[in-house]
């Protein structure tokens, strides 16, 4: 048992490390790939790609939150070593997701047939024709992904992070290698989406092979447990509401802009949204590896003290990383976008800041969402966010019509600030049992360490021409080094320093031992 626990801890550590290696690799590749892709596509076609992707993303709602339900019930059965119920759970989910995939295919076919009604009258006939083909390929992609979801969540539930993250890294590397030749040959967004679909199919097949060969996944399709299914539907229904909220917050703005302003406005917003997704993924990479652990802690003894400690430790680490990136974008974001994407995307800077500053609050509390779900206390969050998302639409439509992408982002940013900054902190503290006063006290202990870094950032902006690439690289590096030193000496606690110091010391000792 101890060997098994040790292996899972190693998987979590390796998973976290590989997540950041994968993200770092992805960001490095994106730095090279994205500007080339933007120039080969052009603003109009890139905007069209984003607009169609935003519409097709709504088919993802058909997931209904069952992935989270699988994690909850799998953890329950695994604690009791109930292999038979796990096999029945696998069979049930494969059947359910296959039906969902078929529904997605049918619904998506409707989107394809009536693409002109959905996307509005701001698109040209050529754009509508291209949008129809893009939508058909994307619909096929998302419909196929549903039945294979069970393999992906099974890998996560078994905490096999090394395989999962290595596969993700391979996908990150192969994506531009497959897409760029197609773009250079002149196949545009249609060729790009086709290559992405082929790569996604290869990844899903790899997940299935790993589950059968390594994890020995079993499926039992007999004795469909309708009582368990009803229980999971009730549990998942509130996660489904969260999914609606996420789609509204991160996709509806592009849809609104497409209808009122056309593909150019969508392109600007789409680039800012893409960077915002990268920003959010940094926080998620840490918290995601703790999801099974949270479910186990709640399933075994539901100890709020241990959950509070884990929640706060993870939140501080997330804040340390996000504070560096967010402040970096404030001081260096505009010249970065001009140097990277081109001066045509200058206005995306303001959209980006309006998105990433408010979203930082929920990003350092992501683990709290999984604690709510593990405790089956996520109903309040779901309903609250749904009402705020509806308000977001009501605010964003007039703002988007008047101020374009900046107005749409303002509506989303305001909704995030109210929902996550105030309401959800109150709920976590009063109802869920998380000590939010302690959490924010620990977070604010980091803030004084930001003051010298902010001063350096202001001086750099006042006296340095960051639109010159050599100066941007030199002073950007100075800013990052200054941030790290300030955090090390004034912001980080012993636990956080040990996360870095102990592996470094072990590595140095191993190197010394090797050379003796």
Foldseek 3Di string as FASTA:
>chain_A
DVVLVVVLVVLLVLLLVLLVVLLVLLVVVCLVQVQVLCVLQDQQRLLLLLQLCLVLVVLVLLLLQLLLLLLLVVLLCVVVVNQVVNQASLQLQLVSLLVSLVVLLVVLVVCLVPVDVQLADQDDPVSNVVSSLLSNLSSNLVSVVRSLSSLVSVCLSSSNSNVVSVLSSVLSVVLSVQQVVCSVVPPHPSSSSNSNSVSSVVSSVVSVVCCCPPVVRHHDNPPNDVVSVVVSSVLSNLVSLVVVLVSLLQRVLSSLLSHQPNSNLSSLLVVLSVVLVSLLSNLCSNLSSCLSVLLNCCSPPNDLVVVQVVLLVSLQVSCLVSVLVLLLCVLQVQLSCCVRNNPSNNVSSLLNNLQSPLVNLVSSRVNLCSNCSSVSNSNVLSVLSSVLSVQLVVQQNVLCNVPNSNSNSNSSSVSSCVSRVPDVLVCCVPPSPHPSVVSVVLNVQQVVLCVVLSVLSVVCSVPPDCNDPVRVVVSSVVSSVSSVVSCVVRNDDPVVVCVVPVVVVVVVVVVVVVVD
